[in-house]
Amino acid sequence: MAISVADIGSFHIGGRAVTLSGLPPRRLVLTAGAPARDFPADGDFETGQMYVQFVRLTAPKARYPLLLWHGGGMTGATWETTPDGRAGWQSYFLNAGHDVYISDAMERGRASWSRYPEIYRDEPHFRSKRESWGLFRIGPPGSYATDPAQRRPFPGQLFPVEAFDQFAKQVVPRWASNDAPTQAAYDALVQRVGPCVIVTHSQGGNFGFNAALHAPDLVKAVIAIEPSGTPDPSAVALGGLRHVPHLVVWGDYLRDDPFWRGLRPNVERYRAALESQGGTADTLDLPAEGIAGNSHFPMMDRNSDDVADRVQAWMGRQDLMT
């Protein structure tokens, strides 16, 4: 479907300046054929910034821009194109009439990352393909193999398993100690964009919930795809979210993994606490709706457009479309 685009662009937001001193220089050849030279490690740097790409339509049908926030060890590529080459949720929601902002959070992708331990306190975690296969519920425990022909996905799995190695190319390092500056950058993005709807995935869920708590006047809805964390409902005041509808989306095979079995009740407690304050806090449980086979990445699964249809319909019911 052809769309009329008014503007495409990008920017970095958030972060702070930091000065390093006392570090030894490194002697390097940075370009083939160039002479070696000493490069100082000291100096002034920017850290904690986030990268944001936007596509704004000539005549959007949605009342507010859509901000798409990725999960842990991932980048904005999550939303762009599926691993097997189909159009991703960026295209879907542009065609549905939304202005779309996709971000690479602090330390990911085009946001860049910083030295450790001088700036980041710990070293990065590099997620292996075996960890991804299990954690993202592509197959049961023990079903991953280095040889793709030997891998055993869950029966009925909708993730494009033949493209799993292609998917693994977009996995990037992540740090366990950067939540505070990451949240600060997301909050700054909300302030810059203004009234908006946030769609999060996995680790991004906690950042989205907190962004709504920090700016309930600007965040008009939160759609959390398989969130992996929430604020503690006993430690935060939720009354301000009474007019910020929330939707939580769950895929399949959660009972097959102890991590997800232990995590989902925490999310349900937060959702129930929102409801107890008079807010809208809905759940789209895909298996309960008769849709079996979704992985942790429904935006990449073979039925990604069908799931997006349901998310889009929910936004319509919340009066988020013109």
Protein backbone atom coordinates (compact mmCIF):
# COMPACT_ATOMS: atom_id res chain seq x y z
CA MET A 1 0.00 0.00 0.00
CA ALA A 2 1.32 3.44 -0.93
CA ILE A 3 1.57 5.98 1.85
CA SER A 4 2.18 9.72 1.67
CA VAL A 5 5.20 10.62 3.80
CA ALA A 6 5.76 14.16 5.01
CA ASP A 7 9.11 13.71 6.71
CA ILE A 8 11.78 11.10 7.45
CA GLY A 9 14.59 11.87 9.85
CA SER A 10 16.50 10.97 12.97
CA PHE A 11 18.07 12.45 16.06
CA HIS A 12 19.96 11.51 19.22
CA ILE A 13 18.50 12.42 22.58
CA GLY A 14 19.45 12.10 26.23
CA GLY A 15 22.86 11.38 27.64
CA ARG A 16 25.54 13.47 29.28
CA ALA A 17 29.10 14.63 28.82
CA VAL A 18 31.88 12.79 30.62
CA THR A 19 35.60 13.47 30.82
CA LEU A 20 38.20 10.71 31.14
CA SER A 21 41.76 11.28 32.23
CA GLY A 22 44.80 9.27 33.24
CA LEU A 23 44.31 6.53 30.63
CA PRO A 24 47.29 5.31 28.60
CA PRO A 25 47.32 6.04 24.85
CA ARG A 26 47.12 3.25 22.27
CA ARG A 27 49.36 2.97 19.23
CA LEU A 28 47.17 1.94 16.29
CA VAL A 29 46.96 1.71 12.54
CA LEU A 30 43.33 2.62 11.82
CA THR A 31 43.47 2.60 8.02
CA ALA A 32 45.34 0.11 5.87
CA GLY A 33 48.53 1.72 4.57
CA ALA A 34 48.44 4.59 7.05
CA PRO A 35 51.29 5.07 9.53
CA ALA A 36 50.88 3.98 13.12
CA ARG A 37 50.19 6.75 15.59
CA ASP A 38 49.40 7.18 19.26
CA PHE A 39 45.73 7.77 20.02
CA PRO A 40 44.88 9.24 23.43
CA ALA A 41 42.17 7.47 25.43
CA ASP A 42 41.58 10.59 27.53
CA GLY A 43 39.14 13.31 26.54
CA ASP A 44 35.57 14.49 26.53
CA PHE A 45 32.83 12.07 25.44
CA GLU A 46 29.05 11.81 25.19
CA THR A 47 27.39 8.81 26.83
CA GLY A 48 23.86 7.63 27.55
CA GLN A 49 22.31 9.00 24.36
CA MET A 50 19.56 7.25 22.40
CA TYR A 51 19.08 7.15 18.62
CA VAL A 52 15.62 7.75 17.17
CA GLN A 53 14.39 7.44 13.58
CA PHE A 54 10.99 8.83 12.63
CA VAL A 55 8.62 8.62 9.68
CA ARG A 56 5.81 11.19 9.74
CA LEU A 57 2.83 10.95 7.41
CA THR A 58 1.25 13.73 5.39
CA ALA A 59 -2.20 12.95 6.83
CA PRO A 60 -1.96 10.59 9.84
CA LYS A 61 -5.13 8.84 10.96
CA ALA A 62 -3.90 8.26 14.50
CA ARG A 63 -4.30 10.96 17.12
CA TYR A 64 -0.77 10.48 18.46
CA PRO A 65 2.61 9.24 17.18
CA LEU A 66 3.56 5.64 17.92
CA LEU A 67 6.88 5.06 19.72
CA LEU A 68 8.28 1.54 19.21
CA TRP A 69 10.72 0.43 21.95
CA HIS A 70 12.74 -2.78 21.57
CA GLY A 71 13.78 -5.39 24.13
CA GLY A 72 17.03 -6.51 25.75
CA GLY A 73 20.02 -7.17 23.51
CA MET A 74 18.04 -5.89 20.53
CA THR A 75 17.72 -2.67 18.53
CA GLY A 76 15.03 -0.89 16.55
CA ALA A 77 15.55 -3.51 13.83
CA THR A 78 13.00 -5.54 15.84
CA TRP A 79 10.23 -3.49 14.22
CA GLU A 80 11.52 -2.90 10.70
CA THR A 81 11.60 -6.13 8.68
CA THR A 82 11.03 -9.72 9.82
CA PRO A 83 14.00 -12.11 9.65
CA ASP A 84 12.43 -13.89 6.67
CA GLY A 85 11.99 -10.64 4.76
CA ARG A 86 8.36 -9.65 5.34
CA ALA A 87 7.33 -6.11 6.21
CA GLY A 88 7.56 -5.46 9.94
CA TRP A 89 5.34 -3.52 12.33
CA GLN A 90 6.90 -0.22 11.27
CA SER A 91 5.34 -0.66 7.82
CA TYR A 92 2.12 -2.08 9.24
CA PHE A 93 1.45 0.87 11.53
CA LEU A 94 2.51 3.44 8.94
CA ASN A 95 -0.05 1.91 6.59
CA ALA A 96 -2.60 2.01 9.42
CA GLY A 97 -2.10 5.77 9.66
CA HIS A 98 0.40 6.27 12.49
CA ASP A 99 3.48 8.46 12.57
CA VAL A 100 6.15 6.02 13.78
CA TYR A 101 9.28 6.62 15.87
CA ILE A 102 11.73 3.70 16.25
CA SER A 103 14.60 3.98 18.72
CA ASP A 104 17.89 2.28 19.47
CA ALA A 105 18.17 2.62 23.24
CA MET A 106 21.31 3.66 25.06
CA GLU A 107 24.21 1.20 24.40
CA ARG A 108 22.45 -0.35 21.36
CA GLY A 109 22.89 0.02 17.61
CA ARG A 110 23.26 3.57 16.37
CA ALA A 111 23.03 4.98 19.89
CA SER A 112 26.64 3.75 20.32
CA TRP A 113 28.21 2.56 23.56
CA SER A 114 30.90 3.65 25.98
CA ARG A 115 34.06 2.39 27.64
CA TYR A 116 33.92 0.06 30.58
CA PRO A 117 34.74 0.06 33.43
CA GLU A 118 35.55 3.78 33.12
CA ILE A 119 31.95 4.73 32.15
CA TYR A 120 29.84 1.55 32.19
CA ARG A 121 30.37 -0.29 35.46
CA ASP A 122 30.47 -3.80 34.05
CA GLU A 123 31.25 -5.66 30.87
CA PRO A 124 28.57 -6.42 28.28
CA HIS A 125 26.56 -9.60 27.99
CA PHE A 126 26.67 -11.23 24.57
CA ARG A 127 23.60 -13.43 24.06
CA SER A 128 24.36 -16.69 22.29
CA LYS A 129 22.10 -18.31 19.74
CA ARG A 130 21.43 -21.13 22.21
CA GLU A 131 20.28 -18.65 24.86
CA SER A 132 18.09 -16.82 22.34
CA TRP A 133 16.52 -20.05 21.07
CA GLY A 134 15.44 -21.06 24.56
CA LEU A 135 14.66 -17.70 26.19
CA PHE A 136 12.61 -16.53 23.23
CA ARG A 137 10.67 -19.82 23.25
CA ILE A 138 11.56 -21.02 19.78
CA GLY A 139 12.01 -24.57 21.03
CA PRO A 140 11.90 -26.58 24.26
CA PRO A 141 14.92 -27.04 26.57
CA GLY A 142 17.69 -28.99 24.89
CA SER A 143 16.30 -28.48 21.38
CA TYR A 144 18.94 -26.07 20.08
CA ALA A 145 21.79 -27.39 17.92
CA THR A 146 24.60 -25.64 16.09
CA ASP A 147 23.51 -27.44 12.93
CA PRO A 148 20.20 -25.84 11.85
CA ALA A 149 18.97 -29.17 10.54
CA GLN A 150 19.21 -30.65 14.05
CA ARG A 151 17.19 -27.93 15.82
CA ARG A 152 13.74 -28.91 17.09
CA PRO A 153 11.27 -26.02 17.42
CA PHE A 154 8.04 -26.29 19.36
CA PRO A 155 5.28 -28.02 17.42
CA GLY A 156 3.25 -25.35 15.68
CA GLN A 157 5.94 -22.69 16.15
CA LEU A 158 5.12 -19.54 14.14
CA PHE A 159 8.54 -17.94 14.34
CA PRO A 160 10.24 -18.34 10.92
CA VAL A 161 12.70 -20.94 12.18
CA GLU A 162 14.48 -21.21 8.84
CA ALA A 163 15.52 -17.56 9.35
CA PHE A 164 16.70 -17.97 12.95
CA ASP A 165 20.37 -17.49 12.07
CA GLN A 166 19.42 -14.34 10.15
CA PHE A 167 17.57 -13.14 13.25
CA ALA A 168 20.65 -13.79 15.40
CA LYS A 169 22.64 -11.30 13.32
CA GLN A 170 20.64 -8.43 14.88
CA VAL A 171 21.42 -9.41 18.48
CA VAL A 172 23.77 -6.87 20.09
CA PRO A 173 25.60 -6.58 23.44
CA ARG A 174 23.66 -5.39 26.47
CA TRP A 175 24.68 -4.20 29.91
CA ALA A 176 23.02 -5.02 33.24
CA SER A 177 23.80 -1.70 34.94
CA ASN A 178 22.37 0.96 32.63
CA ASP A 179 18.65 1.06 33.45
CA ALA A 180 18.68 4.54 35.02
CA PRO A 181 20.30 6.42 32.10
CA THR A 182 18.25 4.36 29.63
CA GLN A 183 15.04 5.41 31.40
CA ALA A 184 16.21 9.02 31.41
CA ALA A 185 16.71 8.93 27.63
CA TYR A 186 13.28 7.39 27.07
CA ASP A 187 11.70 10.02 29.31
CA ALA A 188 13.47 12.74 27.32
CA LEU A 189 12.09 11.24 24.11
CA VAL A 190 8.53 11.44 25.44
CA GLN A 191 9.08 15.07 26.40
CA ARG A 192 10.40 15.86 22.93
CA VAL A 193 7.68 14.06 20.96
CA GLY A 194 4.81 15.12 23.21
CA PRO A 195 1.51 13.23 23.40
CA CYS A 196 2.20 9.70 22.16
CA VAL A 197 1.39 6.00 22.35
CA ILE A 198 4.21 3.67 23.43
CA VAL A 199 4.57 0.12 22.11
CA THR A 200 7.22 -1.87 23.97
CA HIS A 201 8.75 -5.33 23.75
CA SER A 202 10.29 -7.43 26.54
CA GLN A 203 12.84 -5.33 28.50
CA GLY A 204 11.31 -2.22 26.96
CA GLY A 205 8.11 -2.93 28.90
CA ASN A 206 9.45 -1.67 32.22
CA PHE A 207 10.76 1.49 30.55
CA GLY A 208 7.35 2.08 28.97
CA PHE A 209 5.45 1.59 32.23
CA ASN A 210 7.80 3.99 33.99
CA ALA A 211 7.59 6.53 31.17
CA ALA A 212 3.81 6.58 31.65
CA LEU A 213 4.24 7.03 35.41
CA HIS A 214 6.64 9.90 34.81
CA ALA A 215 4.49 11.68 32.18
CA PRO A 216 0.85 10.53 32.39
CA ASP A 217 -0.20 13.74 30.67
CA LEU A 218 1.83 12.86 27.56
CA VAL A 219 1.66 9.05 27.35
CA LYS A 220 -1.80 8.31 26.01
CA ALA A 221 -1.50 4.50 26.05
CA VAL A 222 1.03 1.74 26.68
CA ILE A 223 1.03 -1.48 24.65
CA ALA A 224 3.46 -3.97 26.20
CA ILE A 225 4.39 -6.99 24.09
CA GLU A 226 5.55 -9.70 26.51
CA PRO A 227 7.01 -7.27 29.09
CA SER A 228 9.82 -8.75 31.17
CA GLY A 229 9.45 -6.34 34.08
CA THR A 230 7.22 -3.76 35.76
CA PRO A 231 7.47 -1.17 38.51
CA ASP A 232 6.61 -2.46 41.97
CA PRO A 233 2.87 -1.66 42.36
CA SER A 234 3.29 -1.41 46.13
CA ALA A 235 5.98 1.26 45.76
CA VAL A 236 4.48 3.61 43.15
CA ALA A 237 1.28 5.63 42.98
CA LEU A 238 -0.80 4.41 40.05
CA GLY A 239 -3.74 6.80 40.34
CA GLY A 240 -2.27 9.10 37.71
CA LEU A 241 -2.54 6.29 35.12
CA ARG A 242 -6.31 6.06 35.45
CA HIS A 243 -6.69 7.66 32.02
CA VAL A 244 -3.72 5.90 30.36
CA PRO A 245 -5.03 2.60 28.93
CA HIS A 246 -2.65 -0.35 28.97
CA LEU A 247 -2.61 -3.52 26.86
CA VAL A 248 -0.36 -6.52 27.61
CA VAL A 249 0.15 -9.10 24.85
CA TRP A 250 1.30 -12.68 25.49
CA GLY A 251 2.39 -15.37 23.07
CA ASP A 252 2.52 -19.16 23.45
CA TYR A 253 4.66 -21.76 25.26
CA LEU A 254 5.05 -19.68 28.44
CA ARG A 255 4.37 -22.68 30.67
CA ASP A 256 7.29 -24.50 29.06
CA ASP A 257 9.89 -22.12 30.51
CA PRO A 258 10.47 -21.48 34.24
CA PHE A 259 11.66 -17.94 33.58
CA TRP A 260 8.40 -16.95 31.94
CA ARG A 261 6.28 -18.92 34.41
CA GLY A 262 7.87 -16.92 37.21
CA LEU A 263 7.73 -13.58 35.40
CA ARG A 264 4.16 -13.41 34.17
CA PRO A 265 2.54 -13.28 37.65
CA ASN A 266 4.55 -10.13 38.41
CA VAL A 267 3.18 -8.49 35.29
CA GLU A 268 -0.33 -9.64 36.19
CA ARG A 269 0.00 -8.06 39.64
CA TYR A 270 0.93 -4.75 38.06
CA ARG A 271 -1.93 -4.97 35.58
CA ALA A 272 -4.40 -5.82 38.35
CA ALA A 273 -3.12 -2.89 40.42
CA LEU A 274 -3.80 -0.56 37.49
CA GLU A 275 -7.33 -1.90 37.23
CA SER A 276 -7.88 -1.47 40.95
CA GLN A 277 -7.13 2.25 40.52
CA GLY A 278 -9.87 2.51 37.89
CA GLY A 279 -7.60 2.25 34.87
CA THR A 280 -7.93 0.19 31.70
CA ALA A 281 -5.44 -2.68 31.80
CA ASP A 282 -6.35 -5.28 29.20
CA THR A 283 -4.66 -8.54 28.28
CA LEU A 284 -4.40 -10.05 24.81
CA ASP A 285 -3.52 -13.68 25.54
CA LEU A 286 -3.08 -15.08 22.05
CA PRO A 287 -3.47 -18.79 22.95
CA ALA A 288 -6.57 -17.96 25.00
CA GLU A 289 -7.90 -16.23 21.88
CA GLY A 290 -7.37 -19.45 19.92
CA ILE A 291 -4.11 -18.29 18.31
CA ALA A 292 -1.43 -20.89 19.05
CA GLY A 293 2.26 -20.91 18.21
CA ASN A 294 3.53 -17.39 18.87
CA SER A 295 7.07 -16.94 20.19
CA HIS A 296 8.43 -14.11 22.32
CA PHE A 297 8.55 -12.07 19.09
CA PRO A 298 5.01 -11.89 17.71
CA MET A 299 6.08 -8.93 15.56
CA MET A 300 8.36 -11.36 13.69
CA ASP A 301 6.16 -14.47 13.69
CA ARG A 302 4.40 -15.63 10.54
CA ASN A 303 1.11 -14.17 11.79
CA SER A 304 2.67 -10.80 12.72
CA ASP A 305 0.07 -8.84 10.75
CA ASP A 306 -2.77 -10.73 12.43
CA VAL A 307 -1.41 -9.83 15.86
CA ALA A 308 -0.93 -6.21 14.74
CA ASP A 309 -4.57 -6.21 13.56
CA ARG A 310 -5.67 -6.99 17.11
CA VAL A 311 -3.41 -4.31 18.59
CA GLN A 312 -4.70 -1.81 16.06
CA ALA A 313 -8.33 -2.73 16.86
CA TRP A 314 -7.61 -2.19 20.57
CA MET A 315 -6.26 1.28 19.82
CA GLY A 316 -9.42 2.03 17.92
CA ARG A 317 -11.53 1.02 20.91
CA GLN A 318 -9.49 3.40 23.09
CA ASP A 319 -10.34 6.31 20.79
CA LEU A 320 -6.72 6.70 19.70
CA MET A 321 -7.60 7.02 16.00
CA THR A 322 -9.27 10.00 14.32
